[in-house]
PDB file of N, CA and C in Angstrom:
ATOM      1  N   MET A   1     214.868-108.599 -11.543  1.00  0.00           N
ATOM      2  CA  MET A   1     213.983-107.461 -11.419  1.00  0.00           C
ATOM      3  C   MET A   1     213.694-106.836 -12.774  1.00  0.00           C
ATOM      4  N   ASP A   2     214.704-106.813 -13.628  1.00  0.00           N
ATOM      5  CA  ASP A   2     214.534-106.228 -14.953  1.00  0.00           C
ATOM      6  C   ASP A   2     213.532-107.042 -15.780  1.00  0.00           C
ATOM      7  N   ASP A   3     213.550-108.365 -15.638  1.00  0.00           N
ATOM      8  CA  ASP A   3     212.595-109.221 -16.360  1.00  0.00           C
ATOM      9  C   ASP A   3     211.164-108.959 -15.881  1.00  0.00           C
ATOM     10  N   ALA A   4     211.007-108.743 -14.592  1.00  0.00           N
ATOM     11  CA  ALA A   4     209.677-108.483 -14.043  1.00  0.00           C
ATOM     12  C   ALA A   4     209.131-107.156 -14.582  1.00  0.00           C
ATOM     13  N   LEU A   5     209.994-106.153 -14.701  1.00  0.00           N
ATOM     14  CA  LEU A   5     209.566-104.858 -15.215  1.00  0.00           C
ATOM     15  C   LEU A   5     209.169-104.954 -16.691  1.00  0.00           C
ATOM     16  N   ARG A   6     209.949-105.699 -17.479  1.00  0.00           N
ATOM     17  CA  ARG A   6     209.610-105.894 -18.895  1.00  0.00           C
ATOM     18  C   ARG A   6     208.290-106.652 -19.042  1.00  0.00           C
ATOM     19  N   ASP A   7     208.085-107.649 -18.199  1.00  0.00           N
ATOM     20  CA  ASP A   7     206.843-108.420 -18.252  1.00  0.00           C
ATOM     21  C   ASP A   7     205.649-107.530 -17.895  1.00  0.00           C
ATOM     22  N   PHE A   8     205.826-106.668 -16.886  1.00  0.00           N
ATOM     23  CA  PHE A   8     204.758-105.739 -16.518  1.00  0.00           C
ATOM     24  C   PHE A   8     204.449-104.784 -17.665  1.00  0.00           C
ATOM     25  N   ASP A   9     205.486-104.218 -18.304  1.00  0.00           N
ATOM     26  CA  ASP A   9     205.278-103.305 -19.431  1.00  0.00           C
ATOM     27  C   ASP A   9     204.561-104.001 -20.578  1.00  0.00           C
ATOM     28  N   ARG A  10     204.927-105.262 -20.846  1.00  0.00           N
ATOM     29  CA  ARG A  10     204.267-106.015 -21.914  1.00  0.00           C
ATOM     30  C   ARG A  10     202.793-106.216 -21.611  1.00  0.00           C
ATOM     31  N   ARG A  11     202.478-106.587 -20.380  1.00  0.00           N
ATOM     32  CA  ARG A  11     201.077-106.793 -20.003  1.00  0.00           C
ATOM     33  C   ARG A  11     200.304-105.473 -19.992  1.00  0.00           C
ATOM     34  N   ALA A  12     200.917-104.387 -19.544  1.00  0.00           N
ATOM     35  CA  ALA A  12     200.252-103.079 -19.525  1.00  0.00           C
ATOM     36  C   ALA A  12     199.963-102.607 -20.958  1.00  0.00           C
ATOM     37  N   ASN A  13     200.903-102.815 -21.862  1.00  0.00           N
ATOM     38  CA  ASN A  13     200.660-102.453 -23.272  1.00  0.00           C
ATOM     39  C   ASN A  13     199.538-103.279 -23.871  1.00  0.00           C
ATOM     40  N   ALA A  14     199.467-104.556 -23.519  1.00  0.00           N
ATOM     41  CA  ALA A  14     198.392-105.410 -24.025  1.00  0.00           C
ATOM     42  C   ALA A  14     197.039-104.918 -23.516  1.00  0.00           C
ATOM     43  N   VAL A  15     196.977-104.482 -22.266  1.00  0.00           N
ATOM     44  CA  VAL A  15     195.727-103.954 -21.713  1.00  0.00           C
ATOM     45  C   VAL A  15     195.333-102.668 -22.438  1.00  0.00           C
ATOM     46  N   ARG A  16     196.309-101.777 -22.702  1.00  0.00           N
ATOM     47  CA  ARG A  16     196.014-100.530 -23.413  1.00  0.00           C
ATOM     48  C   ARG A  16     195.493-100.809 -24.827  1.00  0.00           C
ATOM     49  N   LYS A  17     196.131-101.740 -25.542  1.00  0.00           N
ATOM     50  CA  LYS A  17     195.693-102.071 -26.907  1.00  0.00           C
ATOM     51  C   LYS A  17     194.280-102.651 -26.883  1.00  0.00           C
ATOM     52  N   ASN A  18     194.001-103.525 -25.940  1.00  0.00           N
ATOM     53  CA  ASN A  18     192.672-104.116 -25.843  1.00  0.00           C
ATOM     54  C   ASN A  18     191.637-103.043 -25.504  1.00  0.00           C
ATOM     55  N   HIS A  19     191.987-102.117 -24.637  1.00  0.00           N
ATOM     56  CA  HIS A  19     191.071-101.037 -24.278  1.00  0.00           C
ATOM     57  C   HIS A  19     190.782-100.156 -25.499  1.00  0.00           C
ATOM     58  N   ALA A  20     191.795 -99.881 -26.313  1.00  0.00           N
ATOM     59  CA  ALA A  20     191.593 -99.074 -27.521  1.00  0.00           C
ATOM     60  C   ALA A  20     190.675 -99.794 -28.503  1.00  0.00           C
ATOM     61  N   ARG A  21     190.850-101.108 -28.639  1.00  0.00           N
ATOM     62  CA  ARG A  21     189.958-101.872 -29.533  1.00  0.00           C
ATOM     63  C   ARG A  21     188.535-101.896 -28.995  1.00  0.00           C
ATOM     64  N   LEU A  22     188.382-102.040 -27.682  1.00  0.00           N
ATOM     65  CA  LEU A  22     187.042-102.063 -27.087  1.00  0.00           C
ATOM     66  C   LEU A  22     186.363-100.698 -27.213  1.00  0.00           C
ATOM     67  N   ALA A  23     187.135 -99.630 -27.230  1.00  0.00           N
ATOM     68  CA  ALA A  23     186.556 -98.294 -27.349  1.00  0.00           C
ATOM     69  C   ALA A  23     185.901 -98.085 -28.707  1.00  0.00           C
ATOM     70  N   ARG A  24     186.315 -98.854 -29.719  1.00  0.00           N
ATOM     71  CA  ARG A  24     185.716 -98.742 -31.046  1.00  0.00           C
ATOM     72  C   ARG A  24     184.469 -99.607 -31.201  1.00  0.00           C
ATOM     73  N   GLY A  25     184.099-100.306 -30.159  1.00  0.00           N
ATOM     74  CA  GLY A  25     182.887-101.132 -30.196  1.00  0.00           C
ATOM     75  C   GLY A  25     183.182-102.533 -29.686  1.00  0.00           C
ATOM     76  N   TYR A  26     182.220-103.113 -29.001  1.00  0.00           N
ATOM     77  CA  TYR A  26     182.430-104.444 -28.457  1.00  0.00           C
ATOM     78  C   TYR A  26     181.130-105.225 -28.416  1.00  0.00           C
ATOM     79  N   VAL A  27     181.280-106.531 -28.244  1.00  0.00           N
ATOM     80  CA  VAL A  27     180.156-107.450 -28.105  1.00  0.00           C
ATOM     81  C   VAL A  27     180.294-108.102 -26.740  1.00  0.00           C
ATOM     82  N   THR A  28     179.215-108.143 -25.979  1.00  0.00           N
ATOM     83  CA  THR A  28     179.240-108.742 -24.644  1.00  0.00           C
ATOM     84  C   THR A  28     178.670-110.155 -24.730  1.00  0.00           C
ATOM     85  N   LYS A  29     179.425-111.122 -24.178  1.00  0.00           N
ATOM     86  CA  LYS A  29     178.983-112.522 -24.162  1.00  0.00           C
ATOM     87  C   LYS A  29     179.262-113.119 -22.789  1.00  0.00           C
ATOM     88  N   ILE A  30     178.548-114.176 -22.492  1.00  0.00           N
ATOM     89  CA  ILE A  30     178.781-114.908 -21.246  1.00  0.00           C
ATOM     90  C   ILE A  30     179.489-116.206 -21.613  1.00  0.00           C
ATOM     91  N   ASN A  31     180.645-116.462 -20.992  1.00  0.00           N
ATOM     92  CA  ASN A  31     181.394-117.674 -21.329  1.00  0.00           C
ATOM     93  C   ASN A  31     180.851-118.879 -20.568  1.00  0.00           C
ATOM     94  N   LYS A  32     181.516-120.028 -20.702  1.00  0.00           N
ATOM     95  CA  LYS A  32     181.032-121.276 -20.091  1.00  0.00           C
ATOM     96  C   LYS A  32     180.958-121.200 -18.571  1.00  0.00           C
ATOM     97  N   ASN A  33     181.834-120.413 -17.978  1.00  0.00           N
ATOM     98  CA  ASN A  33     181.870-120.310 -16.520  1.00  0.00           C
ATOM     99  C   ASN A  33     180.881-119.289 -15.969  1.00  0.00           C
ATOM    100  N   GLY A  34     180.144-118.617 -16.852  1.00  0.00           N
ATOM    101  CA  GLY A  34     179.196-117.601 -16.416  1.00  0.00           C
ATOM    102  C   GLY A  34     179.829-116.219 -16.276  1.00  0.00           C
ATOM    103  N   LEU A  35     181.064-116.103 -16.724  1.00  0.00           N
ATOM    104  CA  LEU A  35     181.765-114.823 -16.650  1.00  0.00           C
ATOM    105  C   LEU A  35     181.380-113.958 -17.851  1.00  0.00           C
ATOM    106  N   ILE A  36     181.085-112.705 -17.601  1.00  0.00           N
ATOM    107  CA  ILE A  36     180.718-111.782 -18.680  1.00  0.00           C
ATOM    108  C   ILE A  36     181.993-111.245 -19.309  1.00  0.00           C
ATOM    109  N   GLU A  37     182.111-111.399 -20.628  1.00  0.00           N
ATOM    110  CA  GLU A  37     183.302-110.954 -21.345  1.00  0.00           C
ATOM    111  C   GLU A  37     182.919-109.954 -22.424  1.00  0.00           C
ATOM    112  N   HIS A  38     183.787-109.002 -22.639  1.00  0.00           N
ATOM    113  CA  HIS A  38     183.610-108.033 -23.715  1.00  0.00           C
ATOM    114  C   HIS A  38     184.677-108.325 -24.758  1.00  0.00           C
ATOM    115  N   ARG A  39     184.240-108.544 -25.985  1.00  0.00           N
ATOM    116  CA  ARG A  39     185.158-108.799 -27.092  1.00  0.00           C
ATOM    117  C   ARG A  39     185.042-107.668 -28.108  1.00  0.00           C
ATOM    118  N   PRO A  40     186.179-107.227 -28.668  1.00  0.00           N
ATOM    119  CA  PRO A  40     186.098-106.172 -29.691  1.00  0.00           C
ATOM    120  C   PRO A  40     185.320-106.652 -30.906  1.00  0.00           C
ATOM    121  N   ARG A  41     184.563-105.722 -31.514  1.00  0.00           N
ATOM    122  CA  ARG A  41     183.854-106.058 -32.749  1.00  0.00           C
ATOM    123  C   ARG A  41     184.853-106.244 -33.862  1.00  0.00           C
ATOM    124  N   ARG A  42     184.599-107.214 -34.695  1.00  0.00           N
ATOM    125  CA  ARG A  42     185.506-107.486 -35.806  1.00  0.00           C
ATOM    126  C   ARG A  42     184.970-106.853 -37.075  1.00  0.00           C
ATOM    127  N   GLY A  43     185.884-106.465 -37.946  1.00  0.00           N
ATOM    128  CA  GLY A  43     185.510-106.002 -39.265  1.00  0.00           C
ATOM    129  C   GLY A  43     185.036-104.569 -39.342  1.00  0.00           C
ATOM    130  N   ARG A  44     185.127-103.822 -38.285  1.00  0.00           N
ATOM    131  CA  ARG A  44     184.711-102.416 -38.347  1.00  0.00           C
ATOM    132  C   ARG A  44     185.879-101.572 -38.800  1.00  0.00           C
ATOM    133  N   LYS A  45     185.628-100.740 -39.776  1.00  0.00           N
ATOM    134  CA  LYS A  45     186.668 -99.868 -40.296  1.00  0.00           C
ATOM    135  C   LYS A  45     186.342 -98.432 -39.922  1.00  0.00           C
ATOM    136  N   ALA A  46     187.359 -97.613 -39.877  1.00  0.00           N
ATOM    137  CA  ALA A  46     187.163 -96.201 -39.578  1.00  0.00           C
ATOM    138  C   ALA A  46     186.425 -95.542 -40.742  1.00  0.00           C
ATOM    139  N   ARG A  47     185.305 -94.901 -40.449  1.00  0.00           N
ATOM    140  CA  ARG A  47     184.517 -94.252 -41.484  1.00  0.00           C
ATOM    141  C   ARG A  47     184.521 -92.744 -41.331  1.00  0.00           C
ATOM    142  N   GLY A  48     185.277 -92.237 -40.388  1.00  0.00           N
ATOM    143  CA  GLY A  48     185.270 -90.809 -40.111  1.00  0.00           C
ATOM    144  C   GLY A  48     185.575 -89.936 -41.309  1.00  0.00           C
ATOM    145  N   PRO A  49     186.700 -90.143 -41.989  1.00  0.00           N
ATOM    146  CA  PRO A  49     187.025 -89.268 -43.121  1.00  0.00           C
ATOM    147  C   PRO A  49     186.011 -89.367 -44.262  1.00  0.00           C
ATOM    148  N   VAL A  50     185.536 -90.551 -44.549  1.00  0.00           N
ATOM    149  CA  VAL A  50     184.566 -90.721 -45.629  1.00  0.00           C
ATOM    150  C   VAL A  50     183.264 -90.013 -45.271  1.00  0.00           C
ATOM    151  N   ARG A  51     182.842 -90.181 -44.048  1.00  0.00           N
ATOM    152  CA  ARG A  51     181.607 -89.539 -43.587  1.00  0.00           C
ATOM    153  C   ARG A  51     181.752 -88.020 -43.602  1.00  0.00           C
ATOM    154  N   LEU A  52     182.923 -87.517 -43.210  1.00  0.00           N
ATOM    155  CA  LEU A  52     183.155 -86.074 -43.211  1.00  0.00           C
ATOM    156  C   LEU A  52     183.090 -85.507 -44.624  1.00  0.00           C
ATOM    157  N   VAL A  53     183.709 -86.177 -45.573  1.00  0.00           N
ATOM    158  CA  VAL A  53     183.682 -85.709 -46.963  1.00  0.00           C
ATOM    159  C   VAL A  53     182.257 -85.744 -47.500  1.00  0.00           C
ATOM    160  N   LEU A  54     181.518 -86.790 -47.173  1.00  0.00           N
ATOM    161  CA  LEU A  54     180.129 -86.882 -47.613  1.00  0.00           C
ATOM    162  C   LEU A  54     179.293 -85.737 -47.041  1.00  0.00           C
ATOM    163  N   TYR A  55     179.468 -85.432 -45.755  1.00  0.00           N
ATOM    164  CA  TYR A  55     178.740 -84.315 -45.150  1.00  0.00           C
ATOM    165  C   TYR A  55     179.114 -82.987 -45.795  1.00  0.00           C
ATOM    166  N   LEU A  56     180.385 -82.805 -46.121  1.00  0.00           N
ATOM    167  CA  LEU A  56     180.812 -81.566 -46.771  1.00  0.00           C
ATOM    168  C   LEU A  56     180.164 -81.414 -48.142  1.00  0.00           C
ATOM    169  N   ILE A  57     180.130 -82.497 -48.904  1.00  0.00           N
ATOM    170  CA  ILE A  57     179.516 -82.450 -50.241  1.00  0.00           C
ATOM    171  C   ILE A  57     178.021 -82.161 -50.127  1.00  0.00           C
ATOM    172  N   LEU A  58     177.348 -82.851 -49.214  1.00  0.00           N
ATOM    173  CA  LEU A  58     175.917 -82.615 -49.039  1.00  0.00           C
ATOM    174  C   LEU A  58     175.625 -81.198 -48.553  1.00  0.00           C
ATOM    175  N   SER A  59     176.491 -80.675 -47.688  1.00  0.00           N
ATOM    176  CA  SER A  59     176.312 -79.305 -47.218  1.00  0.00           C
ATOM    177  C   SER A  59     176.484 -78.311 -48.351  1.00  0.00           C
ATOM    178  N   LEU A  60     177.471 -78.524 -49.205  1.00  0.00           N
ATOM    179  CA  LEU A  60     177.686 -77.636 -50.345  1.00  0.00           C
ATOM    180  C   LEU A  60     176.491 -77.677 -51.298  1.00  0.00           C
ATOM    181  N   LEU A  61     175.976 -78.874 -51.565  1.00  0.00           N
ATOM    182  CA  LEU A  61     174.813 -78.990 -52.443  1.00  0.00           C
ATOM    183  C   LEU A  61     173.590 -78.286 -51.845  1.00  0.00           C
ATOM    184  N   ALA A  62     173.390 -78.459 -50.543  1.00  0.00           N
ATOM    185  CA  ALA A  62     172.247 -77.801 -49.897  1.00  0.00           C
ATOM    186  C   ALA A  62     172.414 -76.289 -49.935  1.00  0.00           C
ATOM    187  N   PHE A  63     173.615 -75.797 -49.676  1.00  0.00           N
ATOM    188  CA  PHE A  63     173.867 -74.356 -49.719  1.00  0.00           C
ATOM    189  C   PHE A  63     173.596 -73.808 -51.116  1.00  0.00           C
ATOM    190  N   LYS A  64     174.107 -74.502 -52.125  1.00  0.00           N
ATOM    191  CA  LYS A  64     173.881 -74.055 -53.494  1.00  0.00           C
ATOM    192  C   LYS A  64     172.395 -74.059 -53.837  1.00  0.00           C
ATOM    193  N   GLY A  65     171.689 -75.097 -53.406  1.00  0.00           N
ATOM    194  CA  GLY A  65     170.257 -75.189 -53.690  1.00  0.00           C
ATOM    195  C   GLY A  65     169.468 -74.073 -53.038  1.00  0.00           C
ATOM    196  N   PHE A  66     169.758 -73.798 -51.761  1.00  0.00           N
ATOM    197  CA  PHE A  66     169.067 -72.708 -51.070  1.00  0.00           C
ATOM    198  C   PHE A  66     169.388 -71.361 -51.705  1.00  0.00           C
ATOM    199  N   LEU A  67     170.652 -71.174 -52.079  1.00  0.00           N
ATOM    200  CA  LEU A  67     171.048 -69.914 -52.695  1.00  0.00           C
ATOM    201  C   LEU A  67     170.381 -69.734 -54.053  1.00  0.00           C
ATOM    202  N   LEU A  68     170.329 -70.788 -54.846  1.00  0.00           N
ATOM    203  CA  LEU A  68     169.671 -70.728 -56.148  1.00  0.00           C
ATOM    204  C   LEU A  68     168.183 -70.433 -55.983  1.00  0.00           C
ATOM    205  N   SER A  69     167.568 -71.030 -55.003  1.00  0.00           N
ATOM    206  CA  SER A  69     166.148 -70.789 -54.750  1.00  0.00           C
ATOM    207  C   SER A  69     165.903 -69.353 -54.312  1.00  0.00           C
ATOM    208  N   GLU A  70     166.769 -68.830 -53.482  1.00  0.00           N
ATOM    209  CA  GLU A  70     166.582 -67.486 -52.937  1.00  0.00           C
ATOM    210  C   GLU A  70     166.856 -66.400 -53.980  1.00  0.00           C
ATOM    211  N   LEU A  71     167.945 -66.538 -54.742  1.00  0.00           N
ATOM    212  CA  LEU A  71     168.326 -65.487 -55.691  1.00  0.00           C
ATOM    213  C   LEU A  71     167.571 -65.560 -57.009  1.00  0.00           C
ATOM    214  N   GLY A  72     167.183 -66.751 -57.397  1.00  0.00           N
ATOM    215  CA  GLY A  72     166.600 -66.935 -58.722  1.00  0.00           C
ATOM    216  C   GLY A  72     167.698 -67.345 -59.700  1.00  0.00           C
ATOM    217  N   ALA A  73     167.297 -68.002 -60.765  1.00  0.00           N
ATOM    218  CA  ALA A  73     168.273 -68.574 -61.688  1.00  0.00           C
ATOM    219  C   ALA A  73     169.109 -67.511 -62.386  1.00  0.00           C
ATOM    220  N   GLU A  74     168.483 -66.421 -62.827  1.00  0.00           N
ATOM    221  CA  GLU A  74     169.209 -65.404 -63.591  1.00  0.00           C
ATOM    222  C   GLU A  74     170.279 -64.727 -62.745  1.00  0.00           C
ATOM    223  N   ASP A  75     169.902 -64.297 -61.542  1.00  0.00           N
ATOM    224  CA  ASP A  75     170.849 -63.604 -60.666  1.00  0.00           C
ATOM    225  C   ASP A  75     171.965 -64.552 -60.224  1.00  0.00           C
ATOM    226  N   TYR A  76     171.605 -65.800 -59.915  1.00  0.00           N
ATOM    227  CA  TYR A  76     172.599 -66.790 -59.485  1.00  0.00           C
ATOM    228  C   TYR A  76     173.619 -67.022 -60.590  1.00  0.00           C
ATOM    229  N   LEU A  77     173.138 -67.242 -61.819  1.00  0.00           N
ATOM    230  CA  LEU A  77     174.054 -67.483 -62.934  1.00  0.00           C
ATOM    231  C   LEU A  77     174.910 -66.253 -63.238  1.00  0.00           C
ATOM    232  N   ALA A  78     174.364 -65.065 -63.045  1.00  0.00           N
ATOM    233  CA  ALA A  78     175.150 -63.843 -63.249  1.00  0.00           C
ATOM    234  C   ALA A  78     176.283 -63.757 -62.225  1.00  0.00           C
ATOM    235  N   ARG A  79     175.992 -64.119 -60.996  1.00  0.00           N
ATOM    236  CA  ARG A  79     177.033 -64.084 -59.964  1.00  0.00           C
ATOM    237  C   ARG A  79     178.113 -65.133 -60.216  1.00  0.00           C
ATOM    238  N   VAL A  80     177.715 -66.319 -60.671  1.00  0.00           N
ATOM    239  CA  VAL A  80     178.697 -67.357 -61.001  1.00  0.00           C
ATOM    240  C   VAL A  80     179.548 -66.912 -62.192  1.00  0.00           C
ATOM    241  N   ALA A  81     178.934 -66.234 -63.165  1.00  0.00           N
ATOM    242  CA  ALA A  81     179.690 -65.721 -64.310  1.00  0.00           C
ATOM    243  C   ALA A  81     180.691 -64.659 -63.870  1.00  0.00           C
ATOM    244  N   THR A  82     180.311 -63.830 -62.910  1.00  0.00           N
ATOM    245  CA  THR A  82     181.238 -62.829 -62.372  1.00  0.00           C
ATOM    246  C   THR A  82     182.412 -63.508 -61.674  1.00  0.00           C
ATOM    247  N   LEU A  83     182.125 -64.571 -60.950  1.00  0.00           N
ATOM    248  CA  LEU A  83     183.208 -65.318 -60.302  1.00  0.00           C
ATOM    249  C   LEU A  83     184.167 -65.911 -61.319  1.00  0.00           C
ATOM    250  N   SER A  84     183.651 -66.371 -62.438  1.00  0.00           N
ATOM    251  CA  SER A  84     184.512 -67.020 -63.433  1.00  0.00           C
ATOM    252  C   SER A  84     185.475 -66.042 -64.098  1.00  0.00           C
ATOM    253  N   GLN A  85     185.276 -64.750 -63.926  1.00  0.00           N
ATOM    254  CA  GLN A  85     186.171 -63.742 -64.496  1.00  0.00           C
ATOM    255  C   GLN A  85     187.263 -63.316 -63.521  1.00  0.00           C
ATOM    256  N   GLY A  86     187.251 -63.817 -62.301  1.00  0.00           N
ATOM    257  CA  GLY A  86     188.167 -63.345 -61.266  1.00  0.00           C
ATOM    258  C   GLY A  86     189.473 -64.119 -61.198  1.00  0.00           C
ATOM    259  N   THR A  87     190.024 -64.153 -60.007  1.00  0.00           N
ATOM    260  CA  THR A  87     191.298 -64.827 -59.760  1.00  0.00           C
ATOM    261  C   THR A  87     191.123 -66.338 -59.859  1.00  0.00           C
ATOM    262  N   THR A  88     192.214 -67.036 -59.674  1.00  0.00           N
ATOM    263  CA  THR A  88     192.174 -68.503 -59.762  1.00  0.00           C
ATOM    264  C   THR A  88     191.239 -69.091 -58.705  1.00  0.00           C
ATOM    265  N   VAL A  89     191.296 -68.570 -57.508  1.00  0.00           N
ATOM    266  CA  VAL A  89     190.423 -69.071 -56.436  1.00  0.00           C
ATOM    267  C   VAL A  89     188.962 -68.810 -56.786  1.00  0.00           C
ATOM    268  N   GLU A  90     188.675 -67.646 -57.338  1.00  0.00           N
ATOM    269  CA  GLU A  90     187.293 -67.334 -57.720  1.00  0.00           C
ATOM    270  C   GLU A  90     186.826 -68.207 -58.868  1.00  0.00           C
ATOM    271  N   ARG A  91     187.719 -68.526 -59.798  1.00  0.00           N
ATOM    272  CA  ARG A  91     187.336 -69.420 -60.900  1.00  0.00           C
ATOM    273  C   ARG A  91     187.037 -70.826 -60.398  1.00  0.00           C
ATOM    274  N   VAL A  92     187.833 -71.295 -59.435  1.00  0.00           N
ATOM    275  CA  VAL A  92     187.543 -72.604 -58.821  1.00  0.00           C
ATOM    276  C   VAL A  92     186.191 -72.544 -58.112  1.00  0.00           C
ATOM    277  N   GLY A  93     185.931 -71.439 -57.433  1.00  0.00           N
ATOM    278  CA  GLY A  93     184.633 -71.256 -56.776  1.00  0.00           C
ATOM    279  C   GLY A  93     183.481 -71.256 -57.754  1.00  0.00           C
ATOM    280  N   SER A  94     183.704 -70.658 -58.942  1.00  0.00           N
ATOM    281  CA  SER A  94     182.628 -70.640 -59.936  1.00  0.00           C
ATOM    282  C   SER A  94     182.338 -72.043 -60.456  1.00  0.00           C
ATOM    283  N   VAL A  95     183.385 -72.872 -60.575  1.00  0.00           N
ATOM    284  CA  VAL A  95     183.165 -74.263 -61.006  1.00  0.00           C
ATOM    285  C   VAL A  95     182.389 -75.015 -59.937  1.00  0.00           C
ATOM    286  N   LEU A  96     182.772 -74.816 -58.673  1.00  0.00           N
ATOM    287  CA  LEU A  96     182.069 -75.496 -57.577  1.00  0.00           C
ATOM    288  C   LEU A  96     180.630 -75.013 -57.431  1.00  0.00           C
ATOM    289  N   MET A  97     180.387 -73.741 -57.699  1.00  0.00           N
ATOM    290  CA  MET A  97     179.055 -73.166 -57.513  1.00  0.00           C
ATOM    291  C   MET A  97     178.173 -73.263 -58.757  1.00  0.00           C
ATOM    292  N   SER A  98     178.668 -73.865 -59.819  1.00  0.00           N
ATOM    293  CA  SER A  98     177.842 -73.990 -61.020  1.00  0.00           C
ATOM    294  C   SER A  98     176.632 -74.881 -60.734  1.00  0.00           C
ATOM    295  N   VAL A  99     175.579 -74.666 -61.497  1.00  0.00           N
ATOM    296  CA  VAL A  99     174.322 -75.391 -61.278  1.00  0.00           C
ATOM    297  C   VAL A  99     174.451 -76.799 -61.846  1.00  0.00           C
ATOM    298  N   ASP A 100     174.151 -77.774 -61.009  1.00  0.00           N
ATOM    299  CA  ASP A 100     174.128 -79.171 -61.437  1.00  0.00           C
ATOM    300  C   ASP A 100     172.728 -79.719 -61.149  1.00  0.00           C
ATOM    301  N   PRO A 101     172.427 -80.929 -61.609  1.00  0.00           N
ATOM    302  CA  PRO A 101     171.066 -81.470 -61.407  1.00  0.00           C
ATOM    303  C   PRO A 101     170.653 -81.571 -59.929  1.00  0.00           C
ATOM    304  N   ALA A 102     171.584 -81.931 -59.058  1.00  0.00           N
ATOM    305  CA  ALA A 102     171.231 -82.047 -57.641  1.00  0.00           C
ATOM    306  C   ALA A 102     170.890 -80.682 -57.053  1.00  0.00           C
ATOM    307  N   THR A 103     171.665 -79.666 -57.423  1.00  0.00           N
ATOM    308  CA  THR A 103     171.394 -78.317 -56.943  1.00  0.00           C
ATOM    309  C   THR A 103     170.040 -77.828 -57.450  1.00  0.00           C
ATOM    310  N   GLN A 104     169.758 -78.092 -58.702  1.00  0.00           N
ATOM    311  CA  GLN A 104     168.483 -77.679 -59.276  1.00  0.00           C
ATOM    312  C   GLN A 104     167.320 -78.377 -58.584  1.00  0.00           C
ATOM    313  N   TRP A 105     167.492 -79.663 -58.286  1.00  0.00           N
ATOM    314  CA  TRP A 105     166.440 -80.424 -57.605  1.00  0.00           C
ATOM    315  C   TRP A 105     166.188 -79.856 -56.214  1.00  0.00           C
ATOM    316  N   ILE A 106     167.261 -79.537 -55.473  1.00  0.00           N
ATOM    317  CA  ILE A 106     167.109 -78.971 -54.125  1.00  0.00           C
ATOM    318  C   ILE A 106     166.423 -77.603 -54.210  1.00  0.00           C
ATOM    319  N   ALA A 107     166.834 -76.783 -55.187  1.00  0.00           N
ATOM    320  CA  ALA A 107     166.217 -75.461 -55.337  1.00  0.00           C
ATOM    321  C   ALA A 107     164.729 -75.589 -55.664  1.00  0.00           C
ATOM    322  N   ASP A 108     164.372 -76.523 -56.535  1.00  0.00           N
ATOM    323  CA  ASP A 108     162.959 -76.728 -56.854  1.00  0.00           C
ATOM    324  C   ASP A 108     162.177 -77.202 -55.636  1.00  0.00           C
ATOM    325  N   ALA A 109     162.772 -78.084 -54.845  1.00  0.00           N
ATOM    326  CA  ALA A 109     162.103 -78.586 -53.640  1.00  0.00           C
ATOM    327  C   ALA A 109     161.909 -77.467 -52.624  1.00  0.00           C
ATOM    328  N   VAL A 110     162.901 -76.615 -52.462  1.00  0.00           N
ATOM    329  CA  VAL A 110     162.780 -75.500 -51.510  1.00  0.00           C
ATOM    330  C   VAL A 110     161.707 -74.523 -51.989  1.00  0.00           C
ATOM    331  N   THR A 111     161.669 -74.271 -53.277  1.00  0.00           N
ATOM    332  CA  THR A 111     160.662 -73.361 -53.829  1.00  0.00           C
ATOM    333  C   THR A 111     159.259 -73.920 -53.624  1.00  0.00           C
ATOM    334  N   LEU A 112     159.089 -75.227 -53.806  1.00  0.00           N
ATOM    335  CA  LEU A 112     157.778 -75.838 -53.593  1.00  0.00           C
ATOM    336  C   LEU A 112     157.354 -75.775 -52.125  1.00  0.00           C
ATOM    337  N   VAL A 113     158.286 -75.982 -51.233  1.00  0.00           N
ATOM    338  CA  VAL A 113     157.959 -75.959 -49.806  1.00  0.00           C
ATOM    339  C   VAL A 113     157.570 -74.546 -49.375  1.00  0.00           C
ATOM    340  N   ARG A 114     158.274 -73.549 -49.913  1.00  0.00           N
ATOM    341  CA  ARG A 114     157.999 -72.168 -49.534  1.00  0.00           C
ATOM    342  C   ARG A 114     156.660 -71.668 -50.055  1.00  0.00           C
ATOM    343  N   SER A 115     156.220 -72.150 -51.198  1.00  0.00           N
ATOM    344  CA  SER A 115     154.973 -71.618 -51.770  1.00  0.00           C
ATOM    345  C   SER A 115     153.748 -72.391 -51.345  1.00  0.00           C
TER     346      SER A 115
END
């Protein structure tokens, strides 16, 4: 009886693992007997963290661009300079909020669309 229980647990774990792989994507094929089979896709890697970091960076750039467009260059740079005089967290914020080419491009594009 103990062997039967171990065999059942082994087969149940195999079904769970296969279901987890199929949940990440599968390919449907018909085998020689006409039976429809689902096979897990091969070579797919988890892209969640990379995609999340990319979205965060793009969101920060868009925010900076909109803010630069709305405030104007002089006021924006004055506020960043004020941040650079503050605490450590504010100084890190001033480095992150400094104007870079991508931010300038977004601000110019927003200004063109608005006018």
